[in-house]
N, C-alpha and C. Protein backbone atom coordinates (compact mmCIF):
# COMPACT_ATOMS: atom_id res chain seq x y z
N LYS A 1 -155.05 -226.69 -60.73
CA LYS A 1 -155.69 -225.59 -61.42
C LYS A 1 -154.70 -224.95 -62.39
N GLU A 2 -155.15 -224.69 -63.58
CA GLU A 2 -154.31 -224.04 -64.58
C GLU A 2 -154.27 -222.53 -64.34
N THR A 3 -153.11 -221.96 -64.55
CA THR A 3 -152.96 -220.51 -64.49
C THR A 3 -152.82 -220.01 -65.92
N VAL A 4 -153.68 -219.10 -66.30
CA VAL A 4 -153.65 -218.54 -67.65
C VAL A 4 -153.08 -217.13 -67.56
N PRO A 5 -152.04 -216.82 -68.33
CA PRO A 5 -151.45 -215.48 -68.24
C PRO A 5 -152.37 -214.41 -68.82
N TYR A 6 -152.18 -213.19 -68.34
CA TYR A 6 -152.93 -212.05 -68.86
C TYR A 6 -152.34 -211.55 -70.17
N LEU A 7 -151.08 -211.87 -70.41
CA LEU A 7 -150.34 -211.35 -71.55
C LEU A 7 -149.15 -212.26 -71.83
N ILE A 8 -148.79 -212.40 -73.10
CA ILE A 8 -147.62 -213.18 -73.48
C ILE A 8 -146.66 -212.28 -74.26
N LEU A 9 -145.38 -212.29 -73.85
CA LEU A 9 -144.32 -211.63 -74.60
C LEU A 9 -143.61 -212.74 -75.36
N MET A 10 -143.67 -212.70 -76.68
CA MET A 10 -143.16 -213.80 -77.51
C MET A 10 -141.98 -213.35 -78.36
N ASP A 11 -140.82 -213.90 -78.07
CA ASP A 11 -139.66 -213.67 -78.92
C ASP A 11 -139.89 -214.44 -80.22
N ILE A 12 -139.63 -213.81 -81.32
CA ILE A 12 -139.88 -214.45 -82.62
C ILE A 12 -138.79 -215.46 -82.97
N THR A 13 -137.56 -215.23 -82.54
CA THR A 13 -136.47 -216.15 -82.86
C THR A 13 -136.31 -217.14 -81.72
N LEU A 14 -136.92 -218.29 -81.89
CA LEU A 14 -136.87 -219.36 -80.89
C LEU A 14 -136.26 -220.61 -81.52
N PRO A 15 -135.64 -221.46 -80.71
CA PRO A 15 -135.15 -222.73 -81.25
C PRO A 15 -136.34 -223.65 -81.53
N GLY A 16 -136.23 -224.45 -82.55
CA GLY A 16 -137.34 -225.37 -82.88
C GLY A 16 -138.46 -224.61 -83.56
N MET A 17 -139.58 -224.48 -82.87
CA MET A 17 -140.73 -223.74 -83.40
C MET A 17 -140.42 -222.24 -83.30
N ASN A 18 -140.53 -221.50 -84.41
CA ASN A 18 -140.26 -220.07 -84.30
C ASN A 18 -141.45 -219.36 -83.63
N GLY A 19 -141.22 -218.13 -83.22
CA GLY A 19 -142.24 -217.39 -82.49
C GLY A 19 -143.53 -217.18 -83.27
N LEU A 20 -143.43 -217.01 -84.58
CA LEU A 20 -144.64 -216.82 -85.39
C LEU A 20 -145.49 -218.09 -85.37
N GLU A 21 -144.83 -219.24 -85.48
CA GLU A 21 -145.56 -220.51 -85.39
C GLU A 21 -146.18 -220.69 -84.02
N ALA A 22 -145.45 -220.29 -82.99
CA ALA A 22 -145.96 -220.41 -81.62
C ALA A 22 -147.17 -219.51 -81.41
N ILE A 23 -147.13 -218.30 -81.97
CA ILE A 23 -148.28 -217.39 -81.85
C ILE A 23 -149.50 -218.01 -82.52
N LYS A 24 -149.31 -218.51 -83.73
CA LYS A 24 -150.43 -219.14 -84.45
C LYS A 24 -151.00 -220.31 -83.64
N TRP A 25 -150.12 -221.13 -83.07
CA TRP A 25 -150.54 -222.28 -82.28
C TRP A 25 -151.34 -221.82 -81.06
N LEU A 26 -150.85 -220.79 -80.37
CA LEU A 26 -151.56 -220.27 -79.21
C LEU A 26 -152.92 -219.70 -79.59
N LYS A 27 -153.01 -219.04 -80.72
CA LYS A 27 -154.27 -218.43 -81.16
C LYS A 27 -155.31 -219.49 -81.54
N GLU A 28 -154.86 -220.71 -81.80
CA GLU A 28 -155.78 -221.80 -82.13
C GLU A 28 -156.25 -222.55 -80.89
N GLY A 29 -155.63 -222.31 -79.75
CA GLY A 29 -155.97 -223.03 -78.52
C GLY A 29 -157.23 -222.51 -77.87
N ASP A 30 -157.99 -223.40 -77.27
CA ASP A 30 -159.22 -223.00 -76.59
C ASP A 30 -158.94 -222.05 -75.43
N VAL A 31 -157.94 -222.35 -74.64
CA VAL A 31 -157.63 -221.55 -73.45
C VAL A 31 -156.80 -220.32 -73.80
N THR A 32 -155.95 -220.42 -74.81
CA THR A 32 -154.98 -219.36 -75.10
C THR A 32 -155.38 -218.40 -76.22
N ALA A 33 -156.45 -218.68 -76.91
CA ALA A 33 -156.82 -217.88 -78.09
C ALA A 33 -157.04 -216.40 -77.78
N THR A 34 -157.52 -216.09 -76.60
CA THR A 34 -157.85 -214.68 -76.28
C THR A 34 -156.74 -213.95 -75.53
N ILE A 35 -155.64 -214.63 -75.26
CA ILE A 35 -154.54 -213.97 -74.54
C ILE A 35 -153.81 -213.04 -75.52
N PRO A 36 -153.68 -211.76 -75.18
CA PRO A 36 -152.93 -210.86 -76.07
C PRO A 36 -151.46 -211.25 -76.10
N ILE A 37 -150.87 -211.17 -77.30
CA ILE A 37 -149.46 -211.54 -77.48
C ILE A 37 -148.72 -210.35 -78.08
N ILE A 38 -147.61 -210.00 -77.44
CA ILE A 38 -146.72 -208.98 -77.97
C ILE A 38 -145.52 -209.71 -78.58
N ALA A 39 -145.30 -209.52 -79.87
CA ALA A 39 -144.15 -210.11 -80.54
C ALA A 39 -142.93 -209.22 -80.29
N ILE A 40 -141.79 -209.86 -80.06
CA ILE A 40 -140.53 -209.14 -79.84
C ILE A 40 -139.49 -209.72 -80.78
N SER A 41 -138.84 -208.84 -81.56
CA SER A 41 -137.89 -209.34 -82.54
C SER A 41 -136.90 -208.27 -82.96
N ALA A 42 -135.72 -208.72 -83.37
CA ALA A 42 -134.75 -207.81 -83.97
C ALA A 42 -135.09 -207.57 -85.44
N SER A 43 -135.97 -208.38 -86.00
CA SER A 43 -136.38 -208.22 -87.40
C SER A 43 -137.38 -207.07 -87.47
N ALA A 44 -136.93 -205.95 -88.04
CA ALA A 44 -137.74 -204.74 -88.01
C ALA A 44 -138.22 -204.28 -89.39
N MET A 45 -138.06 -205.13 -90.39
CA MET A 45 -138.54 -204.76 -91.72
C MET A 45 -140.07 -204.77 -91.73
N THR A 46 -140.65 -203.97 -92.58
CA THR A 46 -142.11 -203.88 -92.66
C THR A 46 -142.74 -205.25 -92.87
N ALA A 47 -142.14 -206.07 -93.71
CA ALA A 47 -142.68 -207.41 -93.98
C ALA A 47 -142.63 -208.29 -92.73
N ASP A 48 -141.57 -208.15 -91.93
CA ASP A 48 -141.46 -208.92 -90.69
C ASP A 48 -142.55 -208.54 -89.71
N ILE A 49 -142.75 -207.25 -89.56
CA ILE A 49 -143.77 -206.75 -88.64
C ILE A 49 -145.17 -207.19 -89.11
N LYS A 50 -145.39 -207.12 -90.40
CA LYS A 50 -146.68 -207.55 -90.96
C LYS A 50 -146.93 -209.03 -90.66
N ARG A 51 -145.89 -209.86 -90.80
CA ARG A 51 -146.04 -211.29 -90.50
C ARG A 51 -146.38 -211.51 -89.03
N GLY A 52 -145.82 -210.69 -88.16
CA GLY A 52 -146.13 -210.79 -86.74
C GLY A 52 -147.60 -210.52 -86.46
N TYR A 53 -148.12 -209.47 -87.07
CA TYR A 53 -149.54 -209.15 -86.91
C TYR A 53 -150.43 -210.20 -87.55
N GLN A 54 -150.03 -210.69 -88.71
CA GLN A 54 -150.82 -211.73 -89.37
C GLN A 54 -150.86 -213.02 -88.56
N ALA A 55 -149.79 -213.30 -87.82
CA ALA A 55 -149.77 -214.50 -86.98
C ALA A 55 -150.71 -214.37 -85.79
N GLY A 56 -151.00 -213.11 -85.39
CA GLY A 56 -151.93 -212.91 -84.28
C GLY A 56 -151.41 -212.04 -83.16
N ALA A 57 -150.22 -211.46 -83.33
CA ALA A 57 -149.70 -210.56 -82.30
C ALA A 57 -150.54 -209.29 -82.25
N ILE A 58 -150.75 -208.78 -81.03
CA ILE A 58 -151.52 -207.55 -80.86
C ILE A 58 -150.60 -206.33 -81.03
N ARG A 59 -149.30 -206.52 -80.73
CA ARG A 59 -148.29 -205.48 -80.94
C ARG A 59 -146.98 -206.16 -81.33
N TYR A 60 -146.09 -205.38 -81.93
CA TYR A 60 -144.80 -205.89 -82.39
C TYR A 60 -143.74 -204.90 -81.93
N ILE A 61 -142.85 -205.33 -81.05
CA ILE A 61 -141.79 -204.48 -80.53
C ILE A 61 -140.47 -204.96 -81.10
N THR A 62 -139.67 -204.01 -81.60
CA THR A 62 -138.39 -204.38 -82.18
C THR A 62 -137.25 -204.15 -81.19
N LYS A 63 -136.22 -204.99 -81.36
CA LYS A 63 -135.00 -204.88 -80.55
C LYS A 63 -134.04 -203.92 -81.23
N PRO A 64 -133.22 -203.21 -80.53
CA PRO A 64 -133.14 -203.20 -79.08
C PRO A 64 -134.41 -202.58 -78.51
N ILE A 65 -134.87 -203.14 -77.41
CA ILE A 65 -136.13 -202.72 -76.82
C ILE A 65 -135.97 -201.38 -76.12
N ASN A 66 -136.90 -200.48 -76.42
CA ASN A 66 -137.03 -199.23 -75.68
C ASN A 66 -137.87 -199.59 -74.45
N VAL A 67 -137.24 -199.66 -73.30
CA VAL A 67 -137.90 -200.15 -72.09
C VAL A 67 -139.12 -199.31 -71.74
N THR A 68 -139.01 -198.01 -71.85
CA THR A 68 -140.15 -197.13 -71.53
C THR A 68 -141.33 -197.43 -72.44
N GLU A 69 -141.07 -197.57 -73.73
CA GLU A 69 -142.12 -197.89 -74.69
C GLU A 69 -142.73 -199.26 -74.40
N ALA A 70 -141.89 -200.23 -74.11
CA ALA A 70 -142.37 -201.58 -73.84
C ALA A 70 -143.27 -201.61 -72.61
N ILE A 71 -142.87 -200.90 -71.57
CA ILE A 71 -143.69 -200.84 -70.35
C ILE A 71 -145.03 -200.18 -70.65
N GLU A 72 -145.02 -199.12 -71.45
CA GLU A 72 -146.27 -198.43 -71.82
C GLU A 72 -147.20 -199.38 -72.59
N VAL A 73 -146.64 -200.14 -73.50
CA VAL A 73 -147.44 -201.09 -74.29
C VAL A 73 -148.05 -202.15 -73.38
N VAL A 74 -147.25 -202.69 -72.47
CA VAL A 74 -147.75 -203.71 -71.54
C VAL A 74 -148.86 -203.13 -70.67
N ARG A 75 -148.64 -201.94 -70.13
CA ARG A 75 -149.67 -201.30 -69.29
C ARG A 75 -150.95 -201.07 -70.07
N GLU A 76 -150.81 -200.57 -71.29
CA GLU A 76 -151.98 -200.31 -72.13
C GLU A 76 -152.81 -201.58 -72.34
N ILE A 77 -152.14 -202.65 -72.66
CA ILE A 77 -152.84 -203.92 -72.91
C ILE A 77 -153.46 -204.46 -71.64
N LEU A 78 -152.72 -204.42 -70.53
CA LEU A 78 -153.26 -204.94 -69.27
C LEU A 78 -154.42 -204.08 -68.76
N ASP A 79 -154.36 -202.77 -69.00
CA ASP A 79 -155.47 -201.91 -68.60
C ASP A 79 -156.77 -202.24 -69.34
N GLN A 80 -156.64 -202.75 -70.56
CA GLN A 80 -157.81 -203.13 -71.35
C GLN A 80 -158.43 -204.43 -70.88
N ARG A 81 -157.69 -205.23 -70.11
CA ARG A 81 -158.17 -206.51 -69.62
C ARG A 81 -158.79 -206.29 -68.29
């Protein structure tokens, strides 16, 4: 049996396929298309954040991560599911 996550935390800087490509790929999948994705990146320019949302991220958190804020975002998204 496959286990489908309730939420994905996606680092944008990944080896090989970058996080934006991975988000797009997940959003095209039959099983993964509806899973909310939070993008996480040190790239905090407006254009970077916009690309994250355009790829399909539901939220974009910049590094260094504010742990309290990140937990609130995760709770908010999981409460909606």
